[in-house]
Amino acid sequence: MAVQAGMIYDVTVIGEIYLDHVFSGFEAWPNPGEEIFTEQYAWELGGGAVTTACALSRLGREVNLIGIVGEDQFSVVEARLASFGVSAANLCRSKGRSGVTVSISTRQDRSFFTYRGVNQNLSRYLTQEKPLLQGASAARHVHLAMPLSAADCSMVVPILKSQGATVSIDVGHHLEWLQNKQNLEVLRQMDFTLPNEKEAVILAGTPTDYLQLCRSLGVHRSLVKMGAAGAVMMVGNEEHRAASPDVKTVDTTGAGDAFDAGFIDAVLSGLPPKQCLEWACVCGALSTRAVGALDALPTRTEAEAVCEENYAA
């Protein structure tokens, strides 16, 4: 499959696509043998790639989404993406079952049970489809929402950068990838990296150690998402911090992916580092106002209003 001829995008997002079942509105996990009734339930498209792509589109960006979906749910995925203005034209329709995630979300944090399904074939698909990657590189920026291995990175990233695109990665909480030191080479190839605090700790020990590690690898912009505490970023030798705005949080599912979209959007807009962090924090925070990862994704107008209220000098 090749990306449609003549299409130039602001951002290409590549990653795993899931069907999310989100349970929220309860205070604590049940003990073994107990049953807890939640206040809210939602069925939604999920996965970092979907959330980031939809969030960027909601902000007005032209987005190209690349991933694999099982034949069992392709029409459902296509219709939901279309409601956000994201085309399914460059998704691979595959035999087998689509990926599924059950998200258990409290007001403080969230946990997941995931079945990868056809997503487990994504890396092989990318490395075998060079025309697809060449088309994907016809964007100002390419975001990888997936655990790309060092071996696959050496093949994939040079093609993605071949037409001048910058590249970022958010691996997510893939423990095996995070614990494999060979994957530090993947970070070296990125223009910026987007882990959360827990992921940064696994990679390097502390968020500060992670930022220093990225600096030693030559990553120009490295940051750590700190949830309600905001975010911290190193650009060269300079450290920048931003607090997260106070919003009424309903569900934190996908907040980090919405943050990613905000940060990418801000970088493409040429904002200074601290303003990039502030914009990203606003996009992440506003995404938590409803159950599920997509319904509360902010428009540019909504995000601008919150930025002005919280960060105006």
Foldseek 3Di string as FASTA:
>chain_A
DADDPPDAWQEEEEAAKAWEKEFEADDDDDDVPDDDDGPDIDIDIDALRLLLQLLLLLQPTGYAYEAEAEPVCVVVVQVVCVVSVYHCPRYHYDHKHGKYKYWYFYLVGIDIDIDRMPRVCRLVVQLVCLNHLLNNLSHQEYEYRALHALVSLVRRLCSSPVVPHAYEYEHPPPPVSLQDLNCVNVLLSHLEYQEEQVSLCSNANGQVRSQVSSVVSVRQKYKYQHPQQFIWIDGNNDIETDGADDDPFGGQRQLSSQLVSQLSVCVSVVHPPNVSRHSSSLQSVQQRPDTDRNPRRHYNVVSVVRCCVPPPD
